[in-house]
N, C-alpha and C. Protein backbone atom coordinates (compact mmCIF):
# COMPACT_ATOMS: atom_id res chain seq x y z
N UNK A 1 -38.20 13.23 40.47
CA UNK A 1 -38.81 13.36 39.16
C UNK A 1 -38.13 12.39 38.19
N UNK A 2 -38.90 11.67 37.41
CA UNK A 2 -38.37 10.70 36.46
C UNK A 2 -37.71 11.42 35.29
N UNK A 3 -36.70 10.77 34.74
CA UNK A 3 -36.02 11.32 33.57
C UNK A 3 -36.96 11.28 32.37
N UNK A 4 -36.80 12.25 31.51
CA UNK A 4 -37.62 12.34 30.31
C UNK A 4 -36.81 11.84 29.11
N UNK A 5 -37.42 11.03 28.28
CA UNK A 5 -36.75 10.54 27.08
C UNK A 5 -37.39 11.19 25.86
N UNK A 6 -36.56 11.83 25.05
CA UNK A 6 -37.02 12.43 23.81
C UNK A 6 -36.31 11.70 22.67
N UNK A 7 -36.95 11.68 21.51
CA UNK A 7 -36.40 10.99 20.35
C UNK A 7 -36.25 11.97 19.20
N UNK A 8 -35.10 11.94 18.56
CA UNK A 8 -34.90 12.74 17.36
C UNK A 8 -35.83 12.21 16.28
N UNK A 9 -36.32 13.06 15.40
CA UNK A 9 -37.30 12.65 14.37
C UNK A 9 -36.79 11.50 13.51
N UNK A 10 -35.51 11.44 13.24
CA UNK A 10 -34.95 10.40 12.38
C UNK A 10 -34.98 9.02 13.03
N UNK A 11 -35.21 8.94 14.32
CA UNK A 11 -35.25 7.66 15.02
C UNK A 11 -36.45 6.83 14.55
N UNK A 12 -37.54 7.46 14.14
CA UNK A 12 -38.69 6.72 13.62
C UNK A 12 -38.29 5.91 12.39
N UNK A 13 -37.49 6.50 11.52
CA UNK A 13 -36.99 5.79 10.33
C UNK A 13 -36.06 4.65 10.74
N UNK A 14 -35.22 4.89 11.74
CA UNK A 14 -34.32 3.85 12.23
C UNK A 14 -35.11 2.65 12.75
N UNK A 15 -36.19 2.91 13.47
CA UNK A 15 -37.00 1.84 14.04
C UNK A 15 -37.72 1.04 12.96
N UNK A 16 -38.19 1.70 11.90
CA UNK A 16 -38.84 0.99 10.80
C UNK A 16 -37.87 0.02 10.13
N UNK A 17 -36.61 0.39 10.03
CA UNK A 17 -35.60 -0.47 9.43
C UNK A 17 -35.36 -1.73 10.27
N UNK A 18 -35.55 -1.63 11.57
CA UNK A 18 -35.31 -2.77 12.46
C UNK A 18 -36.41 -3.82 12.37
N UNK A 19 -37.61 -3.43 12.04
CA UNK A 19 -38.75 -4.33 12.07
C UNK A 19 -39.48 -4.20 13.39
N UNK A 20 -40.74 -4.62 13.40
CA UNK A 20 -41.60 -4.39 14.55
C UNK A 20 -41.11 -5.07 15.83
N UNK A 21 -40.80 -6.34 15.77
CA UNK A 21 -40.42 -7.08 16.97
C UNK A 21 -39.17 -6.51 17.62
N UNK A 22 -38.14 -6.29 16.82
CA UNK A 22 -36.89 -5.75 17.37
C UNK A 22 -37.07 -4.31 17.84
N UNK A 23 -37.86 -3.52 17.12
CA UNK A 23 -38.10 -2.13 17.51
C UNK A 23 -38.77 -2.07 18.88
N UNK A 24 -39.76 -2.92 19.11
CA UNK A 24 -40.43 -2.96 20.41
C UNK A 24 -39.45 -3.36 21.51
N UNK A 25 -38.62 -4.35 21.22
CA UNK A 25 -37.61 -4.81 22.20
C UNK A 25 -36.65 -3.68 22.56
N UNK A 26 -36.20 -2.94 21.55
CA UNK A 26 -35.27 -1.83 21.78
C UNK A 26 -35.93 -0.73 22.61
N UNK A 27 -37.15 -0.35 22.25
CA UNK A 27 -37.84 0.72 22.98
C UNK A 27 -38.12 0.33 24.43
N UNK A 28 -38.48 -0.91 24.67
CA UNK A 28 -38.71 -1.36 26.04
C UNK A 28 -37.42 -1.29 26.86
N UNK A 29 -36.31 -1.67 26.24
CA UNK A 29 -35.02 -1.61 26.93
C UNK A 29 -34.64 -0.16 27.23
N UNK A 30 -34.85 0.73 26.28
CA UNK A 30 -34.55 2.15 26.49
C UNK A 30 -35.37 2.68 27.66
N UNK A 31 -36.66 2.40 27.65
CA UNK A 31 -37.52 2.86 28.75
C UNK A 31 -37.06 2.30 30.09
N UNK A 32 -36.79 1.03 30.13
CA UNK A 32 -36.40 0.39 31.39
C UNK A 32 -35.05 0.90 31.90
N UNK A 33 -34.07 0.97 31.02
CA UNK A 33 -32.72 1.32 31.44
C UNK A 33 -32.56 2.80 31.77
N UNK A 34 -33.17 3.66 31.00
CA UNK A 34 -32.96 5.09 31.22
C UNK A 34 -33.95 5.69 32.20
N UNK A 35 -35.22 5.38 32.08
CA UNK A 35 -36.22 5.98 32.96
C UNK A 35 -36.21 5.32 34.33
N UNK A 36 -36.32 4.02 34.36
CA UNK A 36 -36.46 3.31 35.63
C UNK A 36 -35.16 3.24 36.43
N UNK A 37 -34.08 2.93 35.74
CA UNK A 37 -32.83 2.68 36.44
C UNK A 37 -31.83 3.82 36.34
N UNK A 38 -32.18 4.87 35.63
CA UNK A 38 -31.26 5.98 35.47
C UNK A 38 -30.27 5.73 34.35
N UNK A 39 -29.25 6.52 34.31
CA UNK A 39 -28.25 6.47 33.24
C UNK A 39 -27.45 5.17 33.31
N UNK A 40 -27.62 4.29 32.33
CA UNK A 40 -26.97 2.98 32.34
C UNK A 40 -26.05 2.75 31.16
N UNK A 41 -25.94 3.68 30.24
CA UNK A 41 -25.17 3.46 29.02
C UNK A 41 -23.67 3.61 29.21
N UNK A 42 -22.97 3.22 28.17
CA UNK A 42 -21.51 3.30 28.15
C UNK A 42 -21.10 4.55 27.37
N UNK A 43 -20.16 5.30 27.91
CA UNK A 43 -19.69 6.51 27.24
C UNK A 43 -18.91 6.15 25.99
N UNK A 44 -19.13 6.91 24.93
CA UNK A 44 -18.41 6.71 23.68
C UNK A 44 -17.20 7.63 23.64
N UNK A 45 -16.27 7.32 22.75
CA UNK A 45 -15.05 8.13 22.66
C UNK A 45 -14.81 8.54 21.21
N UNK A 46 -13.71 9.20 20.97
CA UNK A 46 -13.37 9.65 19.63
C UNK A 46 -14.32 10.71 19.14
N UNK A 47 -14.76 10.59 17.89
CA UNK A 47 -15.65 11.59 17.32
C UNK A 47 -17.05 11.55 17.95
N UNK A 48 -17.35 10.49 18.70
CA UNK A 48 -18.63 10.36 19.40
C UNK A 48 -18.52 10.76 20.87
N UNK A 49 -17.44 11.38 21.27
CA UNK A 49 -17.25 11.78 22.67
C UNK A 49 -18.41 12.66 23.12
N UNK A 50 -18.87 12.43 24.33
CA UNK A 50 -19.99 13.17 24.88
C UNK A 50 -21.32 12.46 24.69
N UNK A 51 -21.32 11.39 23.89
CA UNK A 51 -22.53 10.61 23.67
C UNK A 51 -22.40 9.26 24.38
N UNK A 52 -23.50 8.55 24.46
CA UNK A 52 -23.53 7.27 25.17
C UNK A 52 -24.23 6.23 24.32
N UNK A 53 -24.01 4.95 24.64
CA UNK A 53 -24.68 3.89 23.91
C UNK A 53 -25.29 2.88 24.87
N UNK A 54 -26.37 2.28 24.41
CA UNK A 54 -26.98 1.13 25.07
C UNK A 54 -26.91 -0.02 24.08
N UNK A 55 -26.61 -1.20 24.58
CA UNK A 55 -26.59 -2.39 23.73
C UNK A 55 -27.88 -3.17 23.92
N UNK A 56 -28.49 -3.55 22.80
CA UNK A 56 -29.67 -4.40 22.81
C UNK A 56 -29.43 -5.47 21.75
N UNK A 57 -28.84 -6.59 22.15
CA UNK A 57 -28.45 -7.60 21.18
C UNK A 57 -27.42 -7.03 20.23
N UNK A 58 -27.69 -7.13 18.93
CA UNK A 58 -26.78 -6.56 17.92
C UNK A 58 -27.13 -5.12 17.57
N UNK A 59 -28.11 -4.55 18.22
CA UNK A 59 -28.50 -3.16 17.97
C UNK A 59 -27.86 -2.24 18.99
N UNK A 60 -27.69 -0.99 18.58
CA UNK A 60 -27.14 0.02 19.47
C UNK A 60 -28.05 1.23 19.48
N UNK A 61 -28.18 1.85 20.64
CA UNK A 61 -28.94 3.08 20.82
C UNK A 61 -27.92 4.14 21.21
N UNK A 62 -27.77 5.16 20.37
CA UNK A 62 -26.85 6.26 20.65
C UNK A 62 -27.69 7.41 21.18
N UNK A 63 -27.30 7.94 22.34
CA UNK A 63 -28.08 9.00 22.96
C UNK A 63 -27.18 10.00 23.67
N UNK A 64 -27.78 11.13 24.00
CA UNK A 64 -27.09 12.19 24.75
C UNK A 64 -27.87 12.47 26.02
N UNK A 65 -27.17 12.88 27.03
CA UNK A 65 -27.82 13.32 28.26
C UNK A 65 -28.19 14.79 28.10
N UNK A 66 -29.37 15.16 28.58
CA UNK A 66 -29.81 16.55 28.54
C UNK A 66 -30.17 16.98 29.95
N UNK A 67 -30.50 18.24 30.11
CA UNK A 67 -30.89 18.74 31.43
C UNK A 67 -32.15 18.05 31.96
N UNK A 68 -33.08 17.74 31.05
CA UNK A 68 -34.35 17.14 31.45
C UNK A 68 -34.34 15.62 31.43
N UNK A 69 -33.32 15.02 30.82
CA UNK A 69 -33.28 13.56 30.72
C UNK A 69 -32.33 13.09 29.63
N UNK A 70 -32.91 12.49 28.58
CA UNK A 70 -32.09 11.89 27.53
C UNK A 70 -32.69 12.19 26.16
N UNK A 71 -31.81 12.31 25.16
CA UNK A 71 -32.23 12.50 23.77
C UNK A 71 -31.66 11.35 22.96
N UNK A 72 -32.54 10.48 22.44
CA UNK A 72 -32.10 9.36 21.61
C UNK A 72 -31.85 9.89 20.21
N UNK A 73 -30.63 9.68 19.72
CA UNK A 73 -30.21 10.25 18.45
C UNK A 73 -30.24 9.27 17.30
N UNK A 74 -29.91 8.02 17.57
CA UNK A 74 -29.82 7.04 16.50
C UNK A 74 -29.99 5.64 17.07
N UNK A 75 -30.66 4.78 16.31
CA UNK A 75 -30.81 3.37 16.67
C UNK A 75 -30.50 2.56 15.42
N UNK A 76 -29.68 1.54 15.56
CA UNK A 76 -29.37 0.71 14.40
C UNK A 76 -28.51 -0.48 14.75
N UNK A 77 -28.21 -1.26 13.72
CA UNK A 77 -27.35 -2.43 13.89
C UNK A 77 -25.94 -1.95 14.25
N UNK A 78 -25.25 -2.72 15.04
CA UNK A 78 -23.94 -2.31 15.55
C UNK A 78 -22.93 -2.02 14.43
N UNK A 79 -23.09 -2.66 13.27
CA UNK A 79 -22.15 -2.42 12.16
C UNK A 79 -22.42 -1.10 11.44
N UNK A 80 -23.65 -0.62 11.52
CA UNK A 80 -24.03 0.55 10.73
C UNK A 80 -24.23 1.84 11.52
N UNK A 81 -24.50 1.74 12.79
CA UNK A 81 -24.92 2.90 13.57
C UNK A 81 -23.84 3.98 13.67
N UNK A 82 -22.58 3.61 13.56
CA UNK A 82 -21.50 4.59 13.71
C UNK A 82 -20.94 5.06 12.36
N UNK A 83 -21.34 4.46 11.27
CA UNK A 83 -20.75 4.76 9.95
C UNK A 83 -21.00 6.18 9.44
N UNK A 84 -22.13 6.75 9.77
CA UNK A 84 -22.46 8.09 9.27
C UNK A 84 -21.76 9.19 10.05
N UNK A 85 -21.02 8.85 11.05
CA UNK A 85 -20.41 9.85 11.91
C UNK A 85 -21.37 10.21 13.03
N UNK A 86 -20.92 11.05 13.93
CA UNK A 86 -21.77 11.39 15.07
C UNK A 86 -23.00 12.19 14.66
N UNK A 87 -24.16 11.84 15.22
CA UNK A 87 -25.37 12.62 14.93
C UNK A 87 -25.32 13.96 15.62
N UNK A 88 -26.05 14.92 15.05
CA UNK A 88 -26.11 16.24 15.66
C UNK A 88 -27.10 16.25 16.80
N UNK A 89 -26.73 16.88 17.89
CA UNK A 89 -27.60 17.02 19.03
C UNK A 89 -28.30 18.37 18.92
N UNK A 90 -29.58 18.34 18.59
CA UNK A 90 -30.35 19.59 18.45
C UNK A 90 -31.46 19.62 19.43
């Protein structure tokens, strides 16, 4: 069974900030890396422990593993994505 990818509601706002071209590139990478190839991200540490990241150029995708697949929590530029602190996994 293929992994399921879910997106937190705030990710839509994150994608609008990136612009259409970059948002499409990020989403395609998320689909390819997580669904097709399985868990490919790098584990985060510190206050983000338990979460993972994918790199897409200068953008980062912060996500959590769930029983059914993955939950994308935040997408943004590498300088900004960690500034707000760890996102809540709901």
